[in-house]
Amino acid sequence: MKNLIAVVILMILISCNEKKETFIYQLKEGSGFLMNGPVSMDLGEFKGDEATLMNGDEIVPFEMDTTANKIWFVHSAERKADYSLTIKTESNNQTNIVSAIKKDGDLLLGKNNTSLVGYRYEMHYPPKGADSIFKKSGYIHPIITPKGDTLTRINPPDHWHHYGVWGPWTHTRIDTTRVDFWNLVEGQGTVLFKDFNSIESGTVSASFSAAQEHIAFKIQPQPLVALNENLQVKLWGLNRDDRYMLDYTSSFNTPLQNGILFEAYRYGGGLGMRFTERWHKDNCHVLTSEGEDRLTADGTNAKWAIVSGVSADGTGTNGILFLSYPENRMHPEPMRVWPIDGNDGRGDMFFEFCPIRHEEWQIEPNKNYELRYRMVVFEGELTKEEAEGYWQSFANPPQLEQIAN
């Protein structure tokens, strides 16, 4: 009995003396952290399953990047700038609340069992009566607002080749032959889904990486892959009910011996979006970082642009803030914004960041290129001050600095 009591006492003493190290980090001033958005923290010698992240008394969900040995979480403006990371031995299991689920040929990204963004990986055929030449895969549709309004549109009768959010190149040259991957009607080229590299669900984000092929049809007897693209899309929950964030990164290269030329043109590449048929000249607005509006934005350059319009029930507003990354070609980037009297005077809405709007771009063989964008989908109003804050956080990501342990 005495031996048993001694063992119990020893175990209690070991438990009481177990050291749990706590490290204090602070978001640096001026790093754009006042906006809700993603933040990363290097773990150094520790592992993510040995850590708990706190902000005051709040446990903060995070995801682990095992390759870089860092964690990602979403900072909220109402939180303090100080975070604590406690190293412990017990497991730190967290529930996936941001999901990526395959359904009927679409990969659906969503939050709390609500789908918000779709990526079409199986072939989609246009409506009955339209030429099957307009068939397509490898595009984003729908984009749905937090309250349920669909903002994207595919296969509008005025432009059967429009597919939600997508980025084919338009006037290109392979040696001496022109190839159009955007306007499908002439059968010169297209962009199609090939395979998924990864699909991830998590506590603060859901994402996928998809291989897409830019295929030329008339260069040789068999279809020719002119560009290999890796499209990475990540949805971030922002700890608020009226907004979420979508990162869109296109990395590409060409296997062609002589490369490929992207000619200067008002459409092509970058990030293009055909908006809902509800929006027209009387209920849709544009504001850019340089102060341009729906009437003046076309052909100008911007760091960011807000496109907004009336909600489906007619009682409010919603829209998307588009952000261009500073390292993108031609940043601040040129834009294509449809004229307000376009499409027989309806003034339908089309927006694109277009890096070849004013200057051609020679793509060299076996060299990697990248374009990065971010979208903030919102309900209600999003001010120019908030837009600038989101862009600052994108361009200069918030940094955590260890101040104590």
Protein backbone atom coordinates (compact mmCIF):
# COMPACT_ATOMS: atom_id res chain seq x y z
CA MET A 1 0.00 0.00 0.00
CA LYS A 2 2.82 2.41 0.89
CA ASN A 3 4.43 1.75 -2.50
CA LEU A 4 1.14 2.47 -4.30
CA ILE A 5 0.70 5.76 -2.43
CA ALA A 6 4.27 6.75 -3.33
CA VAL A 7 3.66 6.07 -7.04
CA VAL A 8 0.46 8.16 -7.02
CA ILE A 9 2.23 11.07 -5.29
CA LEU A 10 5.09 10.88 -7.82
CA MET A 11 2.68 10.97 -10.75
CA ILE A 12 0.91 14.01 -9.29
CA LEU A 13 4.22 15.82 -8.81
CA ILE A 14 5.31 15.06 -12.40
CA SER A 15 1.95 16.31 -13.69
CA CYS A 16 2.17 19.52 -11.66
CA ASN A 17 5.72 20.18 -12.81
CA GLU A 18 4.99 19.55 -16.49
CA LYS A 19 6.08 22.68 -18.30
CA LYS A 20 3.81 24.23 -20.90
CA GLU A 21 5.70 26.86 -22.82
CA THR A 22 3.81 29.94 -23.97
CA PHE A 23 5.08 32.35 -26.61
CA ILE A 24 3.59 35.81 -27.18
CA TYR A 25 3.36 37.27 -30.69
CA GLN A 26 2.19 40.67 -31.87
CA LEU A 27 0.90 41.78 -35.25
CA LYS A 28 3.13 44.55 -36.53
CA GLU A 29 1.61 48.02 -36.87
CA GLY A 30 1.10 49.14 -40.46
CA SER A 31 0.78 45.61 -41.81
CA GLY A 32 -2.88 45.95 -42.78
CA PHE A 33 -4.18 43.71 -39.99
CA LEU A 34 -7.19 45.93 -39.21
CA MET A 35 -9.11 44.04 -41.92
CA ASN A 36 -10.32 40.50 -41.30
CA GLY A 37 -8.02 38.23 -43.26
CA PRO A 38 -5.52 35.36 -43.30
CA VAL A 39 -2.32 35.50 -41.23
CA SER A 40 0.51 32.97 -40.96
CA MET A 41 2.84 32.16 -38.07
CA ASP A 42 6.10 30.20 -38.26
CA LEU A 43 6.29 27.43 -35.66
CA GLY A 44 10.06 26.99 -35.65
CA GLU A 45 10.93 23.77 -33.78
CA PHE A 46 7.37 22.96 -32.77
CA LYS A 47 4.62 20.98 -34.47
CA GLY A 48 1.10 22.21 -35.11
CA ASP A 49 -0.55 19.33 -33.26
CA GLU A 50 1.38 20.38 -30.14
CA ALA A 51 0.07 23.95 -30.09
CA THR A 52 -2.96 25.96 -29.04
CA LEU A 53 -3.41 29.50 -30.38
CA MET A 54 -5.10 32.05 -28.13
CA ASN A 55 -6.21 35.66 -28.42
CA GLY A 56 -6.96 36.70 -24.85
CA ASP A 57 -9.34 34.03 -23.57
CA GLU A 58 -10.44 32.97 -27.08
CA ILE A 59 -9.12 29.79 -28.69
CA VAL A 60 -8.32 30.65 -32.30
CA PRO A 61 -8.80 27.91 -34.94
CA PHE A 62 -5.88 27.39 -37.29
CA GLU A 63 -4.60 25.15 -40.07
CA MET A 64 -1.17 23.61 -40.39
CA ASP A 65 1.12 24.01 -43.40
CA THR A 66 3.40 21.03 -42.80
CA THR A 67 5.69 21.86 -45.73
CA ALA A 68 6.58 25.31 -44.40
CA ASN A 69 5.97 24.37 -40.71
CA LYS A 70 3.64 27.30 -40.14
CA ILE A 71 0.04 27.76 -39.11
CA TRP A 72 -2.63 29.87 -40.83
CA PHE A 73 -5.53 31.56 -39.10
CA VAL A 74 -7.96 34.40 -39.77
CA HIS A 75 -7.40 37.59 -37.81
CA SER A 76 -10.48 39.61 -36.90
CA ALA A 77 -10.40 43.38 -36.53
CA GLU A 78 -12.11 43.18 -33.13
CA ARG A 79 -9.36 41.00 -31.70
CA LYS A 80 -6.28 42.26 -29.90
CA ALA A 81 -2.98 42.42 -31.77
CA ASP A 82 -1.36 40.04 -29.23
CA TYR A 83 -1.59 36.27 -29.75
CA SER A 84 -0.21 33.51 -27.54
CA LEU A 85 0.96 30.11 -28.72
CA THR A 86 0.98 27.46 -26.01
CA ILE A 87 2.99 24.33 -26.62
CA LYS A 88 1.40 21.24 -25.08
CA THR A 89 1.56 17.48 -25.46
CA GLU A 90 -2.10 16.56 -25.87
CA SER A 91 -3.70 16.46 -29.32
CA ASN A 92 -5.23 19.67 -30.66
CA ASN A 93 -8.04 18.29 -32.82
CA GLN A 94 -10.12 20.84 -34.73
CA THR A 95 -13.26 20.44 -36.83
CA ASN A 96 -13.36 21.17 -40.56
CA ILE A 97 -15.96 23.90 -41.07
CA VAL A 98 -14.78 25.15 -44.48
CA SER A 99 -15.26 22.37 -47.00
CA ALA A 100 -14.46 21.25 -50.54
CA ILE A 101 -16.90 18.63 -51.85
CA LYS A 102 -17.35 17.05 -55.27
CA LYS A 103 -20.93 16.92 -56.56
CA ASP A 104 -22.27 16.27 -60.07
CA GLY A 105 -19.12 17.42 -61.86
CA ASP A 106 -18.55 20.49 -59.68
CA LEU A 107 -16.13 20.98 -56.80
CA LEU A 108 -18.05 23.05 -54.27
CA LEU A 109 -16.28 25.24 -51.72
CA GLY A 110 -18.41 26.29 -48.78
CA LYS A 111 -18.72 27.10 -45.12
CA ASN A 112 -20.93 25.54 -42.43
CA ASN A 113 -22.56 23.20 -44.97
CA THR A 114 -23.44 26.09 -47.32
CA SER A 115 -21.91 26.06 -50.82
CA LEU A 116 -20.48 29.41 -51.89
CA VAL A 117 -18.16 28.78 -54.87
CA GLY A 118 -18.20 26.13 -57.58
CA TYR A 119 -15.44 24.93 -59.91
CA ARG A 120 -16.60 22.95 -62.95
CA TYR A 121 -14.25 20.06 -63.67
CA GLU A 122 -16.50 17.91 -65.86
CA MET A 123 -17.47 19.04 -69.35
CA HIS A 124 -20.40 21.46 -69.49
CA TYR A 125 -22.46 21.74 -72.67
CA PRO A 126 -24.32 24.93 -73.63
CA PRO A 127 -28.12 25.07 -73.65
CA LYS A 128 -30.15 23.35 -76.35
CA GLY A 129 -29.97 25.31 -79.58
CA ALA A 130 -26.42 26.58 -79.03
CA ASP A 131 -23.50 25.04 -80.94
CA SER A 132 -21.66 22.35 -78.96
CA ILE A 133 -18.41 24.10 -79.90
CA PHE A 134 -19.08 26.22 -76.80
CA LYS A 135 -18.65 23.26 -74.45
CA LYS A 136 -16.23 23.95 -71.57
CA SER A 137 -14.67 22.77 -68.32
CA GLY A 138 -12.23 24.46 -65.94
CA TYR A 139 -14.11 27.59 -64.81
CA ILE A 140 -15.62 29.04 -61.63
CA HIS A 141 -19.40 29.18 -61.31
CA PRO A 142 -21.33 29.93 -59.25
CA ILE A 143 -20.02 32.57 -56.90
CA ILE A 144 -22.75 33.01 -54.30
CA THR A 145 -23.00 35.81 -51.74
CA PRO A 146 -23.36 34.98 -48.03
CA LYS A 147 -27.12 35.60 -48.29
CA GLY A 148 -27.54 33.40 -51.35
CA ASP A 149 -27.39 35.65 -54.44
CA THR A 150 -25.56 34.17 -57.45
CA LEU A 151 -23.23 36.79 -58.96
CA THR A 152 -21.73 34.83 -61.87
CA ARG A 153 -23.33 33.91 -65.18
CA ILE A 154 -22.45 31.32 -67.83
CA ASN A 155 -23.50 30.90 -71.49
CA PRO A 156 -25.43 34.17 -71.87
CA PRO A 157 -27.02 34.20 -75.36
CA ASP A 158 -25.07 37.33 -76.30
CA HIS A 159 -21.73 35.60 -75.50
CA TRP A 160 -22.07 31.81 -75.34
CA HIS A 161 -18.35 31.54 -74.54
CA HIS A 162 -18.62 33.50 -71.26
CA TYR A 163 -18.06 31.21 -68.27
CA GLY A 164 -18.40 32.82 -64.83
CA VAL A 165 -14.82 33.52 -63.71
CA TRP A 166 -12.17 32.36 -66.16
CA GLY A 167 -8.97 33.59 -67.84
CA PRO A 168 -8.22 32.29 -71.38
CA TRP A 169 -5.83 34.27 -73.59
CA THR A 170 -7.40 35.84 -76.66
CA HIS A 171 -5.04 37.08 -79.42
CA THR A 172 -2.03 34.78 -79.23
CA ARG A 173 0.55 33.67 -81.77
CA ILE A 174 2.26 30.32 -82.00
CA ASP A 175 5.03 30.93 -84.53
CA THR A 176 3.04 32.58 -87.35
CA THR A 177 -0.42 31.19 -86.49
CA ARG A 178 -2.98 33.12 -84.46
CA VAL A 179 -4.79 31.12 -81.80
CA ASP A 180 -7.79 32.37 -79.79
CA PHE A 181 -8.42 30.41 -76.57
CA TRP A 182 -11.21 32.81 -75.46
CA ASN A 183 -13.72 33.09 -78.30
CA LEU A 184 -14.57 29.44 -78.85
CA VAL A 185 -16.72 29.91 -81.96
CA GLU A 186 -13.91 29.54 -84.51
CA GLY A 187 -12.56 26.37 -82.95
CA GLN A 188 -9.00 27.68 -82.69
CA GLY A 189 -8.45 26.75 -79.05
CA THR A 190 -9.89 26.25 -75.59
CA VAL A 191 -8.92 25.76 -71.93
CA LEU A 192 -9.96 22.52 -70.24
CA PHE A 193 -9.62 20.88 -66.83
CA LYS A 194 -7.10 18.02 -66.74
CA ASP A 195 -6.76 16.82 -63.14
CA PHE A 196 -6.76 17.87 -59.50
CA ASN A 197 -3.38 18.22 -57.82
CA SER A 198 -4.98 18.67 -54.39
CA ILE A 199 -8.32 19.28 -52.64
CA GLU A 200 -8.30 20.50 -49.04
CA SER A 201 -10.92 21.21 -46.35
CA GLY A 202 -10.08 22.85 -43.03
CA THR A 203 -11.00 24.96 -40.03
CA VAL A 204 -10.43 28.34 -41.69
CA SER A 205 -10.13 27.64 -45.45
CA ALA A 206 -10.94 25.22 -48.25
CA SER A 207 -8.91 25.00 -51.44
CA PHE A 208 -8.01 23.14 -54.59
CA SER A 209 -5.21 23.05 -57.10
CA ALA A 210 -6.21 22.05 -60.64
CA ALA A 211 -4.14 21.33 -63.73
CA GLN A 212 -5.64 22.99 -66.82
CA GLU A 213 -4.52 22.74 -70.43
CA HIS A 214 -4.67 25.54 -73.01
CA ILE A 215 -5.20 23.55 -76.21
CA ALA A 216 -4.66 24.75 -79.81
CA PHE A 217 -6.60 22.86 -82.46
CA LYS A 218 -5.25 24.12 -85.81
CA ILE A 219 -1.47 24.16 -85.39
CA GLN A 220 -1.06 20.48 -86.25
CA PRO A 221 -3.38 17.55 -87.08
CA GLN A 222 -3.75 16.63 -83.39
CA PRO A 223 -4.66 19.02 -80.55
CA LEU A 224 -1.56 20.76 -79.21
CA VAL A 225 -1.06 21.76 -75.57
CA ALA A 226 0.23 25.33 -75.78
CA LEU A 227 0.15 26.16 -72.06
CA ASN A 228 0.13 24.11 -68.89
CA GLU A 229 -1.64 25.95 -66.09
CA ASN A 230 -1.91 25.28 -62.37
CA LEU A 231 -4.97 27.06 -60.99
CA GLN A 232 -5.04 27.44 -57.20
CA VAL A 233 -8.22 28.67 -55.53
CA LYS A 234 -8.71 29.08 -51.78
CA LEU A 235 -11.83 30.20 -49.90
CA TRP A 236 -11.28 31.90 -46.52
CA GLY A 237 -13.96 32.34 -43.92
CA LEU A 238 -13.54 35.85 -42.47
CA ASN A 239 -15.24 35.39 -39.08
CA ARG A 240 -18.19 37.47 -40.23
CA ASP A 241 -21.54 36.61 -41.80
CA ASP A 242 -21.53 39.19 -44.60
CA ARG A 243 -18.16 38.54 -46.31
CA TYR A 244 -15.76 35.87 -47.43
CA MET A 245 -12.51 35.88 -49.37
CA LEU A 246 -11.37 33.97 -52.44
CA ASP A 247 -7.72 33.72 -53.53
CA TYR A 248 -7.13 32.96 -57.24
CA THR A 249 -3.61 32.16 -58.47
CA SER A 250 -2.75 31.13 -62.03
CA SER A 251 0.73 29.65 -62.60
CA PHE A 252 1.60 28.66 -66.15
CA ASN A 253 4.32 27.74 -68.63
CA THR A 254 4.58 26.68 -72.25
CA PRO A 255 6.18 23.48 -73.55
CA LEU A 256 6.44 24.94 -77.07
CA GLN A 257 9.95 25.19 -78.47
CA ASN A 258 9.55 28.81 -79.58
CA GLY A 259 7.18 29.86 -76.80
CA ILE A 260 3.94 31.74 -77.38
CA LEU A 261 3.15 35.43 -77.82
CA PHE A 262 0.22 37.06 -76.02
CA GLU A 263 -0.65 39.99 -78.27
CA ALA A 264 -1.89 43.25 -76.79
CA TYR A 265 -5.70 43.22 -76.71
CA ARG A 266 -8.54 44.52 -74.55
CA TYR A 267 -9.50 40.97 -73.46
CA GLY A 268 -7.40 38.03 -72.38
CA GLY A 269 -5.85 36.20 -69.45
CA GLY A 270 -5.79 37.66 -65.97
CA LEU A 271 -9.12 37.36 -64.20
CA GLY A 272 -12.39 37.89 -66.06
CA MET A 273 -15.94 37.68 -64.74
CA ARG A 274 -19.36 37.85 -66.39
CA PHE A 275 -21.85 39.11 -63.81
CA THR A 276 -25.46 38.22 -63.17
CA GLU A 277 -28.14 39.19 -65.69
CA ARG A 278 -29.86 41.19 -62.91
CA TRP A 279 -27.23 43.90 -63.17
CA HIS A 280 -27.34 46.55 -65.87
CA LYS A 281 -26.57 50.21 -66.46
CA ASP A 282 -29.12 51.45 -63.90
CA ASN A 283 -28.26 49.26 -60.89
CA CYS A 284 -24.57 48.32 -61.14
CA HIS A 285 -21.58 50.42 -60.07
CA VAL A 286 -17.78 50.40 -60.27
CA LEU A 287 -15.19 52.17 -58.12
CA THR A 288 -11.44 51.70 -58.61
CA SER A 289 -8.42 52.52 -56.46
CA GLU A 290 -7.73 55.48 -58.76
CA GLY A 291 -11.26 56.89 -58.36
CA GLU A 292 -12.63 55.75 -61.74
CA ASP A 293 -16.27 54.67 -62.05
CA ARG A 294 -18.45 52.64 -64.45
CA LEU A 295 -18.18 55.37 -67.09
CA THR A 296 -14.42 55.90 -66.95
CA ALA A 297 -12.75 52.72 -65.65
CA ASP A 298 -12.35 50.85 -68.94
CA GLY A 299 -8.74 50.84 -70.13
CA THR A 300 -7.37 52.43 -66.95
CA ASN A 301 -5.11 50.77 -64.39
CA ALA A 302 -5.93 49.97 -60.76
CA LYS A 303 -4.75 48.12 -57.65
CA TRP A 304 -8.33 47.24 -56.78
CA ALA A 305 -11.86 47.63 -58.08
CA ILE A 306 -15.25 47.29 -56.40
CA VAL A 307 -18.10 46.00 -58.58
CA SER A 308 -21.48 46.15 -56.83
CA GLY A 309 -25.15 46.07 -57.65
CA VAL A 310 -28.66 45.58 -56.36
CA SER A 311 -29.41 42.38 -54.43
CA ALA A 312 -31.83 39.80 -55.80
CA ASP A 313 -34.66 40.93 -53.50
CA GLY A 314 -34.17 44.54 -54.53
CA THR A 315 -33.71 45.78 -50.98
CA GLY A 316 -29.93 45.88 -50.63
CA THR A 317 -26.52 45.75 -52.30
CA ASN A 318 -23.83 43.15 -52.76
CA GLY A 319 -20.76 42.65 -54.91
CA ILE A 320 -17.10 41.73 -55.24
CA LEU A 321 -13.88 43.59 -54.48
CA PHE A 322 -11.14 42.55 -56.94
CA LEU A 323 -7.49 42.88 -55.83
CA SER A 324 -4.40 42.71 -58.04
CA TYR A 325 -1.10 41.57 -56.53
CA PRO A 326 1.84 44.01 -56.81
CA GLU A 327 4.08 41.47 -58.58
CA ASN A 328 1.54 40.85 -61.35
CA ARG A 329 2.58 41.95 -64.80
CA MET A 330 1.64 45.60 -65.52
CA HIS A 331 0.49 46.22 -61.93
CA PRO A 332 -1.44 48.42 -61.22
CA GLU A 333 -3.27 46.35 -63.80
CA PRO A 334 -5.25 47.49 -66.83
CA MET A 335 -8.94 46.64 -66.80
CA ARG A 336 -11.69 45.81 -69.23
CA VAL A 337 -15.03 47.17 -68.02
CA TRP A 338 -17.93 46.96 -70.44
CA PRO A 339 -19.33 50.32 -71.55
CA ILE A 340 -22.56 51.37 -69.93
CA ASP A 341 -24.39 51.36 -73.29
CA GLY A 342 -23.12 47.91 -74.34
CA ASN A 343 -25.22 44.87 -75.32
CA ASP A 344 -27.93 46.81 -77.14
CA GLY A 345 -28.06 49.49 -74.46
CA ARG A 346 -28.65 47.15 -71.49
CA GLY A 347 -25.27 47.89 -69.95
CA ASP A 348 -24.61 44.33 -68.73
CA MET A 349 -21.60 43.95 -66.43
CA PHE A 350 -18.29 42.37 -67.37
CA PHE A 351 -15.05 43.00 -65.46
CA GLU A 352 -11.49 41.86 -66.10
CA PHE A 353 -7.98 42.53 -64.90
CA CYS A 354 -6.17 42.26 -68.24
CA PRO A 355 -2.34 42.31 -68.07
CA ILE A 356 -1.94 42.43 -71.89
CA ARG A 357 -4.42 45.26 -72.45
CA HIS A 358 -1.74 47.72 -73.63
CA GLU A 359 1.45 45.66 -74.18
CA GLU A 360 2.16 42.24 -75.66
CA TRP A 361 3.76 39.53 -73.52
CA GLN A 362 6.24 36.99 -74.86
CA ILE A 363 6.03 33.69 -72.96
CA GLU A 364 9.37 31.91 -73.14
CA PRO A 365 9.61 28.10 -73.26
CA ASN A 366 9.96 26.20 -69.98
CA LYS A 367 9.78 29.38 -67.87
CA ASN A 368 7.22 29.73 -65.08
CA TYR A 369 4.86 32.71 -64.85
CA GLU A 370 2.31 33.64 -62.18
CA LEU A 371 -0.66 35.98 -61.71
CA ARG A 372 -2.26 36.39 -58.27
CA TYR A 373 -5.64 37.87 -57.42
CA ARG A 374 -7.94 38.07 -54.43
CA MET A 375 -11.71 38.61 -54.32
CA VAL A 376 -13.80 39.71 -51.35
CA VAL A 377 -17.46 38.76 -51.80
CA PHE A 378 -19.66 41.00 -49.69
CA GLU A 379 -23.18 41.91 -48.65
CA GLY A 380 -24.17 45.53 -48.06
CA GLU A 381 -21.60 48.25 -48.70
CA LEU A 382 -17.81 48.02 -48.88
CA THR A 383 -16.10 51.41 -48.61
CA LYS A 384 -13.02 52.61 -50.49
CA GLU A 385 -11.17 52.76 -47.16
CA GLU A 386 -11.97 49.10 -46.52
CA ALA A 387 -10.95 48.23 -50.09
CA GLU A 388 -7.57 49.90 -49.56
CA GLY A 389 -7.18 48.03 -46.26
CA TYR A 390 -7.87 44.70 -47.95
CA TRP A 391 -5.37 45.52 -50.68
CA GLN A 392 -2.69 46.50 -48.15
CA SER A 393 -3.21 43.18 -46.36
CA PHE A 394 -2.90 41.34 -49.68
CA ALA A 395 0.13 43.29 -50.89
CA ASN A 396 1.88 43.41 -47.50
CA PRO A 397 0.65 40.40 -45.50
CA PRO A 398 0.40 40.93 -41.73
CA GLN A 399 3.50 39.77 -39.87
CA LEU A 400 3.63 38.29 -36.40
CA GLU A 401 6.65 39.15 -34.28
CA GLN A 402 7.58 37.21 -31.13
CA ILE A 403 7.81 39.61 -28.20
CA ALA A 404 7.96 37.27 -25.18
CA ASN A 405 7.92 33.69 -23.94
